[in-house]
Amino acid sequence: MTSPIRPVRIPSIDFGGVNATESSTRATPGETETGAGNSFAQAVGDALSQVNQLDTAVDELARRAAVGDLDSVSDFMVAATEAQLTTEITVAVRDRAISAFNDIMRMQL
């Protein structure tokens, strides 16, 4: 007897449609940060709120598991793995952004 295997859904982080190849979201030299800057800041804020929502859902499932109200342990494990992967991706993006910022600051004018 084989047990059915459910596909694992890896959460995607929506950056509000920000695409590196789109020229419409880039600020031109004369443009202030009110146009492109706010959409990028909003996209990053939305992505971080999604990470927070995943962590909150895992905390709720952990609470239910501790109390004994959890229906399926696999639901908790999948949610915990999703939250872990999302947090690791967020940290990697942050580290990459800091590295890029430091490289820019080291450039000579």
PDB file of N, CA and C in Angstrom:
ATOM      1  N   MET A   1       0.845  -1.177   0.000  1.00  0.00           N
ATOM      2  CA  MET A   1       0.000   0.000   0.000  1.00  0.00           C
ATOM      3  C   MET A   1       0.886   1.235   0.000  1.00  0.00           C
ATOM      4  N   THR A   2       0.633   2.097  -0.929  1.00  0.00           N
ATOM      5  CA  THR A   2       1.426   3.327  -1.009  1.00  0.00           C
ATOM      6  C   THR A   2       0.582   4.496  -0.546  1.00  0.00           C
ATOM      7  N   SER A   3       1.215   5.418   0.114  1.00  0.00           N
ATOM      8  CA  SER A   3       0.491   6.595   0.573  1.00  0.00           C
ATOM      9  C   SER A   3       0.583   7.684  -0.489  1.00  0.00           C
ATOM     10  N   PRO A   4      -0.479   8.453  -0.662  1.00  0.00           N
ATOM     11  CA  PRO A   4      -0.440   9.523  -1.667  1.00  0.00           C
ATOM     12  C   PRO A   4       0.535  10.617  -1.220  1.00  0.00           C
ATOM     13  N   ILE A   5       1.301  11.099  -2.147  1.00  0.00           N
ATOM     14  CA  ILE A   5       2.265  12.151  -1.858  1.00  0.00           C
ATOM     15  C   ILE A   5       1.706  13.467  -2.387  1.00  0.00           C
ATOM     16  N   ARG A   6       1.566  14.401  -1.456  1.00  0.00           N
ATOM     17  CA  ARG A   6       1.075  15.707  -1.859  1.00  0.00           C
ATOM     18  C   ARG A   6       2.240  16.556  -2.356  1.00  0.00           C
ATOM     19  N   PRO A   7       2.035  17.338  -3.425  1.00  0.00           N
ATOM     20  CA  PRO A   7       3.121  18.214  -3.875  1.00  0.00           C
ATOM     21  C   PRO A   7       3.351  19.325  -2.851  1.00  0.00           C
ATOM     22  N   VAL A   8       4.605  19.678  -2.656  1.00  0.00           N
ATOM     23  CA  VAL A   8       4.954  20.739  -1.721  1.00  0.00           C
ATOM     24  C   VAL A   8       4.910  22.053  -2.470  1.00  0.00           C
ATOM     25  N   ARG A   9       4.185  23.009  -1.916  1.00  0.00           N
ATOM     26  CA  ARG A   9       4.074  24.332  -2.530  1.00  0.00           C
ATOM     27  C   ARG A   9       5.095  25.244  -1.877  1.00  0.00           C
ATOM     28  N   ILE A  10       6.024  25.726  -2.689  1.00  0.00           N
ATOM     29  CA  ILE A  10       7.011  26.667  -2.175  1.00  0.00           C
ATOM     30  C   ILE A  10       6.424  28.058  -2.346  1.00  0.00           C
ATOM     31  N   PRO A  11       6.386  28.834  -1.265  1.00  0.00           N
ATOM     32  CA  PRO A  11       5.752  30.145  -1.355  1.00  0.00           C
ATOM     33  C   PRO A  11       6.557  31.083  -2.241  1.00  0.00           C
ATOM     34  N   SER A  12       5.825  31.866  -2.998  1.00  0.00           N
ATOM     35  CA  SER A  12       6.494  32.873  -3.811  1.00  0.00           C
ATOM     36  C   SER A  12       6.281  34.223  -3.164  1.00  0.00           C
ATOM     37  N   ILE A  13       7.286  35.043  -3.253  1.00  0.00           N
ATOM     38  CA  ILE A  13       7.197  36.380  -2.697  1.00  0.00           C
ATOM     39  C   ILE A  13       6.916  37.327  -3.838  1.00  0.00           C
ATOM     40  N   ASP A  14       5.814  38.021  -3.750  1.00  0.00           N
ATOM     41  CA  ASP A  14       5.415  38.949  -4.786  1.00  0.00           C
ATOM     42  C   ASP A  14       6.037  40.308  -4.495  1.00  0.00           C
ATOM     43  N   PHE A  15       6.865  40.784  -5.413  1.00  0.00           N
ATOM     44  CA  PHE A  15       7.493  42.080  -5.246  1.00  0.00           C
ATOM     45  C   PHE A  15       6.703  43.168  -5.956  1.00  0.00           C
ATOM     46  N   GLY A  16       5.402  42.992  -6.037  1.00  0.00           N
ATOM     47  CA  GLY A  16       4.549  44.035  -6.594  1.00  0.00           C
ATOM     48  C   GLY A  16       4.767  44.268  -8.073  1.00  0.00           C
ATOM     49  N   GLY A  17       5.180  43.248  -8.800  1.00  0.00           N
ATOM     50  CA  GLY A  17       5.385  43.393 -10.235  1.00  0.00           C
ATOM     51  C   GLY A  17       6.680  44.098 -10.586  1.00  0.00           C
ATOM     52  N   VAL A  18       7.568  44.296  -9.646  1.00  0.00           N
ATOM     53  CA  VAL A  18       8.834  44.946  -9.938  1.00  0.00           C
ATOM     54  C   VAL A  18       9.699  43.970 -10.705  1.00  0.00           C
ATOM     55  N   ASN A  19      10.169  44.408 -11.850  1.00  0.00           N
ATOM     56  CA  ASN A  19      10.991  43.569 -12.701  1.00  0.00           C
ATOM     57  C   ASN A  19      12.247  44.351 -13.053  1.00  0.00           C
ATOM     58  N   ALA A  20      13.382  43.711 -12.977  1.00  0.00           N
ATOM     59  CA  ALA A  20      14.642  44.409 -13.222  1.00  0.00           C
ATOM     60  C   ALA A  20      14.773  44.870 -14.660  1.00  0.00           C
ATOM     61  N   THR A  21      14.037  44.262 -15.594  1.00  0.00           N
ATOM     62  CA  THR A  21      14.172  44.639 -16.989  1.00  0.00           C
ATOM     63  C   THR A  21      13.190  45.717 -17.402  1.00  0.00           C
ATOM     64  N   GLU A  22      12.272  46.064 -16.542  1.00  0.00           N
ATOM     65  CA  GLU A  22      11.291  47.085 -16.885  1.00  0.00           C
ATOM     66  C   GLU A  22      11.901  48.457 -16.699  1.00  0.00           C
ATOM     67  N   SER A  23      11.877  49.257 -17.773  1.00  0.00           N
ATOM     68  CA  SER A  23      12.440  50.595 -17.669  1.00  0.00           C
ATOM     69  C   SER A  23      11.446  51.564 -17.040  1.00  0.00           C
ATOM     70  N   SER A  24      10.169  51.216 -16.982  1.00  0.00           N
ATOM     71  CA  SER A  24       9.182  52.125 -16.419  1.00  0.00           C
ATOM     72  C   SER A  24       9.313  52.280 -14.915  1.00  0.00           C
ATOM     73  N   THR A  25       9.950  51.313 -14.237  1.00  0.00           N
ATOM     74  CA  THR A  25      10.097  51.426 -12.794  1.00  0.00           C
ATOM     75  C   THR A  25      11.432  52.025 -12.388  1.00  0.00           C
ATOM     76  N   ARG A  26      12.287  52.285 -13.357  1.00  0.00           N
ATOM     77  CA  ARG A  26      13.584  52.871 -13.049  1.00  0.00           C
ATOM     78  C   ARG A  26      13.477  54.383 -13.005  1.00  0.00           C
ATOM     79  N   ALA A  27      14.215  54.975 -12.091  1.00  0.00           N
ATOM     80  CA  ALA A  27      14.242  56.432 -11.995  1.00  0.00           C
ATOM     81  C   ALA A  27      15.262  56.971 -12.979  1.00  0.00           C
ATOM     82  N   THR A  28      14.876  57.985 -13.722  1.00  0.00           N
ATOM     83  CA  THR A  28      15.798  58.644 -14.618  1.00  0.00           C
ATOM     84  C   THR A  28      16.632  59.622 -13.815  1.00  0.00           C
ATOM     85  N   PRO A  29      17.747  60.104 -14.354  1.00  0.00           N
ATOM     86  CA  PRO A  29      18.608  60.990 -13.564  1.00  0.00           C
ATOM     87  C   PRO A  29      17.903  62.225 -13.025  1.00  0.00           C
ATOM     88  N   GLY A  30      16.938  62.769 -13.735  1.00  0.00           N
ATOM     89  CA  GLY A  30      16.245  63.959 -13.262  1.00  0.00           C
ATOM     90  C   GLY A  30      15.053  63.655 -12.361  1.00  0.00           C
ATOM     91  N   GLU A  31      14.670  62.403 -12.277  1.00  0.00           N
ATOM     92  CA  GLU A  31      13.479  62.026 -11.519  1.00  0.00           C
ATOM     93  C   GLU A  31      13.822  61.856 -10.042  1.00  0.00           C
ATOM     94  N   THR A  32      12.925  62.293  -9.194  1.00  0.00           N
ATOM     95  CA  THR A  32      13.127  62.101  -7.766  1.00  0.00           C
ATOM     96  C   THR A  32      12.681  60.704  -7.385  1.00  0.00           C
ATOM     97  N   GLU A  33      12.856  60.351  -6.146  1.00  0.00           N
ATOM     98  CA  GLU A  33      12.519  59.009  -5.691  1.00  0.00           C
ATOM     99  C   GLU A  33      11.030  58.815  -5.455  1.00  0.00           C
ATOM    100  N   THR A  34      10.218  59.789  -5.717  1.00  0.00           N
ATOM    101  CA  THR A  34       8.790  59.636  -5.455  1.00  0.00           C
ATOM    102  C   THR A  34       8.140  58.650  -6.400  1.00  0.00           C
ATOM    103  N   GLY A  35       8.668  58.503  -7.620  1.00  0.00           N
ATOM    104  CA  GLY A  35       8.060  57.587  -8.575  1.00  0.00           C
ATOM    105  C   GLY A  35       8.493  56.158  -8.359  1.00  0.00           C
ATOM    106  N   ALA A  36       9.720  55.852  -8.740  1.00  0.00           N
ATOM    107  CA  ALA A  36      10.209  54.475  -8.675  1.00  0.00           C
ATOM    108  C   ALA A  36      10.566  54.056  -7.258  1.00  0.00           C
ATOM    109  N   GLY A  37      11.019  54.986  -6.444  1.00  0.00           N
ATOM    110  CA  GLY A  37      11.452  54.650  -5.094  1.00  0.00           C
ATOM    111  C   GLY A  37      10.326  54.138  -4.223  1.00  0.00           C
ATOM    112  N   ASN A  38       9.166  54.753  -4.311  1.00  0.00           N
ATOM    113  CA  ASN A  38       8.045  54.320  -3.481  1.00  0.00           C
ATOM    114  C   ASN A  38       7.540  52.947  -3.889  1.00  0.00           C
ATOM    115  N   SER A  39       7.509  52.648  -5.168  1.00  0.00           N
ATOM    116  CA  SER A  39       7.012  51.334  -5.585  1.00  0.00           C
ATOM    117  C   SER A  39       7.969  50.235  -5.131  1.00  0.00           C
ATOM    118  N   PHE A  40       9.281  50.495  -5.169  1.00  0.00           N
ATOM    119  CA  PHE A  40      10.238  49.490  -4.702  1.00  0.00           C
ATOM    120  C   PHE A  40      10.123  49.311  -3.198  1.00  0.00           C
ATOM    121  N   ALA A  41      10.026  50.421  -2.468  1.00  0.00           N
ATOM    122  CA  ALA A  41       9.884  50.345  -1.013  1.00  0.00           C
ATOM    123  C   ALA A  41       8.602  49.622  -0.636  1.00  0.00           C
ATOM    124  N   GLN A  42       7.542  49.886  -1.364  1.00  0.00           N
ATOM    125  CA  GLN A  42       6.271  49.219  -1.087  1.00  0.00           C
ATOM    126  C   GLN A  42       6.373  47.729  -1.405  1.00  0.00           C
ATOM    127  N   ALA A  43       7.067  47.382  -2.487  1.00  0.00           N
ATOM    128  CA  ALA A  43       7.221  45.979  -2.855  1.00  0.00           C
ATOM    129  C   ALA A  43       8.022  45.223  -1.799  1.00  0.00           C
ATOM    130  N   VAL A  44       9.079  45.838  -1.300  1.00  0.00           N
ATOM    131  CA  VAL A  44       9.877  45.191  -0.256  1.00  0.00           C
ATOM    132  C   VAL A  44       9.052  45.055   1.020  1.00  0.00           C
ATOM    133  N   GLY A  45       8.293  46.098   1.357  1.00  0.00           N
ATOM    134  CA  GLY A  45       7.434  46.029   2.546  1.00  0.00           C
ATOM    135  C   GLY A  45       6.380  44.948   2.432  1.00  0.00           C
ATOM    136  N   ASP A  46       5.795  44.809   1.248  1.00  0.00           N
ATOM    137  CA  ASP A  46       4.794  43.760   1.034  1.00  0.00           C
ATOM    138  C   ASP A  46       5.419  42.369   1.159  1.00  0.00           C
ATOM    139  N   ALA A  47       6.627  42.207   0.610  1.00  0.00           N
ATOM    140  CA  ALA A  47       7.306  40.912   0.707  1.00  0.00           C
ATOM    141  C   ALA A  47       7.620  40.569   2.157  1.00  0.00           C
ATOM    142  N   LEU A  48       8.055  41.553   2.923  1.00  0.00           N
ATOM    143  CA  LEU A  48       8.351  41.295   4.335  1.00  0.00           C
ATOM    144  C   LEU A  48       7.084  40.996   5.128  1.00  0.00           C
ATOM    145  N   SER A  49       5.972  41.605   4.752  1.00  0.00           N
ATOM    146  CA  SER A  49       4.720  41.282   5.446  1.00  0.00           C
ATOM    147  C   SER A  49       4.268  39.861   5.121  1.00  0.00           C
ATOM    148  N   GLN A  50       4.550  39.380   3.913  1.00  0.00           N
ATOM    149  CA  GLN A  50       4.242  37.990   3.574  1.00  0.00           C
ATOM    150  C   GLN A  50       5.083  37.029   4.412  1.00  0.00           C
ATOM    151  N   VAL A  51       6.359  37.364   4.623  1.00  0.00           N
ATOM    152  CA  VAL A  51       7.220  36.539   5.473  1.00  0.00           C
ATOM    153  C   VAL A  51       6.657  36.523   6.886  1.00  0.00           C
ATOM    154  N   ASN A  52       6.234  37.681   7.365  1.00  0.00           N
ATOM    155  CA  ASN A  52       5.659  37.767   8.706  1.00  0.00           C
ATOM    156  C   ASN A  52       4.378  36.949   8.816  1.00  0.00           C
ATOM    157  N   GLN A  53       3.541  36.956   7.795  1.00  0.00           N
ATOM    158  CA  GLN A  53       2.306  36.177   7.815  1.00  0.00           C
ATOM    159  C   GLN A  53       2.610  34.681   7.883  1.00  0.00           C
ATOM    160  N   LEU A  54       3.622  34.233   7.141  1.00  0.00           N
ATOM    161  CA  LEU A  54       3.993  32.816   7.192  1.00  0.00           C
ATOM    162  C   LEU A  54       4.492  32.442   8.587  1.00  0.00           C
ATOM    163  N   ASP A  55       5.298  33.304   9.190  1.00  0.00           N
ATOM    164  CA  ASP A  55       5.793  33.026  10.539  1.00  0.00           C
ATOM    165  C   ASP A  55       4.649  32.996  11.549  1.00  0.00           C
ATOM    166  N   THR A  56       3.688  33.890  11.393  1.00  0.00           N
ATOM    167  CA  THR A  56       2.534  33.920  12.292  1.00  0.00           C
ATOM    168  C   THR A  56       1.705  32.648  12.148  1.00  0.00           C
ATOM    169  N   ALA A  57       1.530  32.181  10.917  1.00  0.00           N
ATOM    170  CA  ALA A  57       0.774  30.946  10.689  1.00  0.00           C
ATOM    171  C   ALA A  57       1.482  29.750  11.324  1.00  0.00           C
ATOM    172  N   VAL A  58       2.804  29.707  11.237  1.00  0.00           N
ATOM    173  CA  VAL A  58       3.560  28.608  11.853  1.00  0.00           C
ATOM    174  C   VAL A  58       3.439  28.677  13.370  1.00  0.00           C
ATOM    175  N   ASP A  59       3.492  29.876  13.924  1.00  0.00           N
ATOM    176  CA  ASP A  59       3.332  30.022  15.374  1.00  0.00           C
ATOM    177  C   ASP A  59       1.964  29.523  15.834  1.00  0.00           C
ATOM    178  N   GLU A  60       0.943  29.811  15.049  1.00  0.00           N
ATOM    179  CA  GLU A  60      -0.409  29.348  15.400  1.00  0.00           C
ATOM    180  C   GLU A  60      -0.494  27.823  15.318  1.00  0.00           C
ATOM    181  N   LEU A  61       0.102  27.245  14.266  1.00  0.00           N
ATOM    182  CA  LEU A  61       0.093  25.785  14.149  1.00  0.00           C
ATOM    183  C   LEU A  61       0.895  25.137  15.274  1.00  0.00           C
ATOM    184  N   ALA A  62       1.989  25.758  15.685  1.00  0.00           N
ATOM    185  CA  ALA A  62       2.782  25.219  16.799  1.00  0.00           C
ATOM    186  C   ALA A  62       1.989  25.283  18.094  1.00  0.00           C
ATOM    187  N   ARG A  63       1.251  26.359  18.281  1.00  0.00           N
ATOM    188  CA  ARG A  63       0.405  26.471  19.474  1.00  0.00           C
ATOM    189  C   ARG A  63      -0.659  25.385  19.476  1.00  0.00           C
ATOM    190  N   ARG A  64      -1.289  25.168  18.309  1.00  0.00           N
ATOM    191  CA  ARG A  64      -2.310  24.132  18.212  1.00  0.00           C
ATOM    192  C   ARG A  64      -1.714  22.746  18.441  1.00  0.00           C
ATOM    193  N   ALA A  65      -0.471  22.538  17.987  1.00  0.00           N
ATOM    194  CA  ALA A  65       0.180  21.242  18.205  1.00  0.00           C
ATOM    195  C   ALA A  65       0.469  21.033  19.683  1.00  0.00           C
ATOM    196  N   ALA A  66       0.867  22.089  20.378  1.00  0.00           N
ATOM    197  CA  ALA A  66       1.173  21.969  21.802  1.00  0.00           C
ATOM    198  C   ALA A  66      -0.074  21.676  22.621  1.00  0.00           C
ATOM    199  N   VAL A  67      -1.194  22.231  22.192  1.00  0.00           N
ATOM    200  CA  VAL A  67      -2.452  22.031  22.910  1.00  0.00           C
ATOM    201  C   VAL A  67      -3.082  20.685  22.554  1.00  0.00           C
ATOM    202  N   GLY A  68      -2.769  20.176  21.373  1.00  0.00           N
ATOM    203  CA  GLY A  68      -3.335  18.901  20.943  1.00  0.00           C
ATOM    204  C   GLY A  68      -4.476  19.058  19.968  1.00  0.00           C
ATOM    205  N   ASP A  69      -4.670  20.256  19.423  1.00  0.00           N
ATOM    206  CA  ASP A  69      -5.751  20.510  18.476  1.00  0.00           C
ATOM    207  C   ASP A  69      -5.321  20.397  17.024  1.00  0.00           C
ATOM    208  N   LEU A  70      -4.093  20.016  16.775  1.00  0.00           N
ATOM    209  CA  LEU A  70      -3.585  19.946  15.407  1.00  0.00           C
ATOM    210  C   LEU A  70      -4.137  18.712  14.717  1.00  0.00           C
ATOM    211  N   ASP A  71      -4.730  18.908  13.535  1.00  0.00           N
ATOM    212  CA  ASP A  71      -5.326  17.801  12.796  1.00  0.00           C
ATOM    213  C   ASP A  71      -4.274  16.953  12.096  1.00  0.00           C
ATOM    214  N   SER A  72      -3.278  17.605  11.520  1.00  0.00           N
ATOM    215  CA  SER A  72      -2.284  16.879  10.742  1.00  0.00           C
ATOM    216  C   SER A  72      -0.890  17.430  11.042  1.00  0.00           C
ATOM    217  N   VAL A  73      -0.003  16.560  11.419  1.00  0.00           N
ATOM    218  CA  VAL A  73       1.372  16.975  11.692  1.00  0.00           C
ATOM    219  C   VAL A  73       2.056  17.421  10.407  1.00  0.00           C
ATOM    220  N   SER A  74       1.677  16.805   9.291  1.00  0.00           N
ATOM    221  CA  SER A  74       2.306  17.171   8.017  1.00  0.00           C
ATOM    222  C   SER A  74       1.994  18.617   7.638  1.00  0.00           C
ATOM    223  N   ASP A  75       0.793  19.110   7.989  1.00  0.00           N
ATOM    224  CA  ASP A  75       0.474  20.516   7.719  1.00  0.00           C
ATOM    225  C   ASP A  75       1.426  21.444   8.463  1.00  0.00           C
ATOM    226  N   PHE A  76       1.722  21.091   9.710  1.00  0.00           N
ATOM    227  CA  PHE A  76       2.656  21.895  10.495  1.00  0.00           C
ATOM    228  C   PHE A  76       4.053  21.833   9.898  1.00  0.00           C
ATOM    229  N   MET A  77       4.493  20.644   9.506  1.00  0.00           N
ATOM    230  CA  MET A  77       5.840  20.493   8.957  1.00  0.00           C
ATOM    231  C   MET A  77       5.991  21.250   7.638  1.00  0.00           C
ATOM    232  N   VAL A  78       4.972  21.184   6.795  1.00  0.00           N
ATOM    233  CA  VAL A  78       5.022  21.911   5.526  1.00  0.00           C
ATOM    234  C   VAL A  78       5.054  23.412   5.779  1.00  0.00           C
ATOM    235  N   ALA A  79       4.204  23.895   6.683  1.00  0.00           N
ATOM    236  CA  ALA A  79       4.177  25.327   6.984  1.00  0.00           C
ATOM    237  C   ALA A  79       5.494  25.787   7.597  1.00  0.00           C
ATOM    238  N   ALA A  80       6.076  24.966   8.463  1.00  0.00           N
ATOM    239  CA  ALA A  80       7.354  25.323   9.078  1.00  0.00           C
ATOM    240  C   ALA A  80       8.471  25.371   8.040  1.00  0.00           C
ATOM    241  N   THR A  81       8.462  24.435   7.109  1.00  0.00           N
ATOM    242  CA  THR A  81       9.472  24.428   6.053  1.00  0.00           C
ATOM    243  C   THR A  81       9.301  25.622   5.126  1.00  0.00           C
ATOM    244  N   GLU A  82       8.059  25.961   4.784  1.00  0.00           N
ATOM    245  CA  GLU A  82       7.798  27.137   3.956  1.00  0.00           C
ATOM    246  C   GLU A  82       8.317  28.400   4.633  1.00  0.00           C
ATOM    247  N   ALA A  83       8.033  28.536   5.912  1.00  0.00           N
ATOM    248  CA  ALA A  83       8.484  29.719   6.649  1.00  0.00           C
ATOM    249  C   ALA A  83      10.004  29.751   6.728  1.00  0.00           C
ATOM    250  N   GLN A  84      10.629  28.610   6.931  1.00  0.00           N
ATOM    251  CA  GLN A  84      12.082  28.549   7.014  1.00  0.00           C
ATOM    252  C   GLN A  84      12.719  28.933   5.682  1.00  0.00           C
ATOM    253  N   LEU A  85      12.219  28.379   4.580  1.00  0.00           N
ATOM    254  CA  LEU A  85      12.770  28.698   3.263  1.00  0.00           C
ATOM    255  C   LEU A  85      12.572  30.174   2.923  1.00  0.00           C
ATOM    256  N   THR A  86      11.403  30.703   3.238  1.00  0.00           N
ATOM    257  CA  THR A  86      11.129  32.101   2.947  1.00  0.00           C
ATOM    258  C   THR A  86      12.050  33.011   3.751  1.00  0.00           C
ATOM    259  N   THR A  87      12.280  32.665   5.008  1.00  0.00           N
ATOM    260  CA  THR A  87      13.186  33.460   5.835  1.00  0.00           C
ATOM    261  C   THR A  87      14.609  33.372   5.300  1.00  0.00           C
ATOM    262  N   GLU A  88      15.045  32.192   4.894  1.00  0.00           N
ATOM    263  CA  GLU A  88      16.390  32.043   4.341  1.00  0.00           C
ATOM    264  C   GLU A  88      16.553  32.835   3.048  1.00  0.00           C
ATOM    265  N   ILE A  89      15.544  32.843   2.195  1.00  0.00           N
ATOM    266  CA  ILE A  89      15.598  33.613   0.960  1.00  0.00           C
ATOM    267  C   ILE A  89      15.645  35.104   1.277  1.00  0.00           C
ATOM    268  N   THR A  90      14.857  35.541   2.244  1.00  0.00           N
ATOM    269  CA  THR A  90      14.848  36.954   2.625  1.00  0.00           C
ATOM    270  C   THR A  90      16.216  37.379   3.155  1.00  0.00           C
ATOM    271  N   VAL A  91      16.825  36.554   3.971  1.00  0.00           N
ATOM    272  CA  VAL A  91      18.154  36.868   4.505  1.00  0.00           C
ATOM    273  C   VAL A  91      19.184  36.899   3.377  1.00  0.00           C
ATOM    274  N   ALA A  92      19.085  35.984   2.434  1.00  0.00           N
ATOM    275  CA  ALA A  92      20.029  35.966   1.313  1.00  0.00           C
ATOM    276  C   ALA A  92      19.884  37.219   0.456  1.00  0.00           C
ATOM    277  N   VAL A  93      18.653  37.654   0.208  1.00  0.00           N
ATOM    278  CA  VAL A  93      18.429  38.878  -0.569  1.00  0.00           C
ATOM    279  C   VAL A  93      18.959  40.088   0.192  1.00  0.00           C
ATOM    280  N   ARG A  94      18.737  40.116   1.501  1.00  0.00           N
ATOM    281  CA  ARG A  94      19.254  41.218   2.312  1.00  0.00           C
ATOM    282  C   ARG A  94      20.770  41.266   2.267  1.00  0.00           C
ATOM    283  N   ASP A  95      21.405  40.115   2.422  1.00  0.00           N
ATOM    284  CA  ASP A  95      22.866  40.065   2.380  1.00  0.00           C
ATOM    285  C   ASP A  95      23.393  40.514   1.023  1.00  0.00           C
ATOM    286  N   ARG A  96      22.702  40.113  -0.018  1.00  0.00           N
ATOM    287  CA  ARG A  96      23.119  40.510  -1.379  1.00  0.00           C
ATOM    288  C   ARG A  96      22.959  42.011  -1.576  1.00  0.00           C
ATOM    289  N   ALA A  97      21.888  42.583  -1.064  1.00  0.00           N
ATOM    290  CA  ALA A  97      21.669  44.027  -1.179  1.00  0.00           C
ATOM    291  C   ALA A  97      22.722  44.801  -0.397  1.00  0.00           C
ATOM    292  N   ILE A  98      23.070  44.327   0.785  1.00  0.00           N
ATOM    293  CA  ILE A  98      24.104  44.990   1.585  1.00  0.00           C
ATOM    294  C   ILE A  98      25.451  44.898   0.879  1.00  0.00           C
ATOM    295  N   SER A  99      25.756  43.759   0.301  1.00  0.00           N
ATOM    296  CA  SER A  99      26.999  43.595  -0.442  1.00  0.00           C
ATOM    297  C   SER A  99      27.056  44.552  -1.635  1.00  0.00           C
ATOM    298  N   ALA A 100      25.945  44.668  -2.360  1.00  0.00           N
ATOM    299  CA  ALA A 100      25.894  45.588  -3.502  1.00  0.00           C
ATOM    300  C   ALA A 100      26.055  47.034  -3.043  1.00  0.00           C
ATOM    301  N   PHE A 101      25.425  47.391  -1.936  1.00  0.00           N
ATOM    302  CA  PHE A 101      25.557  48.743  -1.398  1.00  0.00           C
ATOM    303  C   PHE A 101      27.005  49.026  -1.019  1.00  0.00           C
ATOM    304  N   ASN A 102      27.657  48.068  -0.359  1.00  0.00           N
ATOM    305  CA  ASN A 102      29.053  48.257   0.020  1.00  0.00           C
ATOM    306  C   ASN A 102      29.955  48.382  -1.204  1.00  0.00           C
ATOM    307  N   ASP A 103      29.678  47.620  -2.262  1.00  0.00           N
ATOM    308  CA  ASP A 103      30.455  47.732  -3.491  1.00  0.00           C
ATOM    309  C   ASP A 103      30.287  49.115  -4.114  1.00  0.00           C
ATOM    310  N   ILE A 104      29.070  49.622  -4.104  1.00  0.00           N
ATOM    311  CA  ILE A 104      28.811  50.952  -4.653  1.00  0.00           C
ATOM    312  C   ILE A 104      29.531  52.018  -3.830  1.00  0.00           C
ATOM    313  N   MET A 105      29.513  51.863  -2.519  1.00  0.00           N
ATOM    314  CA  MET A 105      30.175  52.853  -1.663  1.00  0.00           C
ATOM    315  C   MET A 105      31.687  52.845  -1.843  1.00  0.00           C
ATOM    316  N   ARG A 106      32.279  51.717  -2.236  1.00  0.00           N
ATOM    317  CA  ARG A 106      33.719  51.631  -2.446  1.00  0.00           C
ATOM    318  C   ARG A 106      34.162  52.173  -3.792  1.00  0.00           C
ATOM    319  N   MET A 107      33.209  52.431  -4.694  1.00  0.00           N
ATOM    320  CA  MET A 107      33.574  52.931  -6.033  1.00  0.00           C
ATOM    321  C   MET A 107      34.139  54.335  -5.923  1.00  0.00           C
ATOM    322  N   GLN A 108      35.146  54.576  -6.738  1.00  0.00           N
ATOM    323  CA  GLN A 108      35.729  55.918  -6.771  1.00  0.00           C
ATOM    324  C   GLN A 108      35.021  56.735  -7.836  1.00  0.00           C
ATOM    325  N   LEU A 109      34.827  57.981  -7.532  1.00  0.00           N
ATOM    326  CA  LEU A 109      34.160  58.872  -8.480  1.00  0.00           C
ATOM    327  C   LEU A 109      35.119  59.586  -9.368  1.00  0.00           C
TER     328      LEU A 109
END
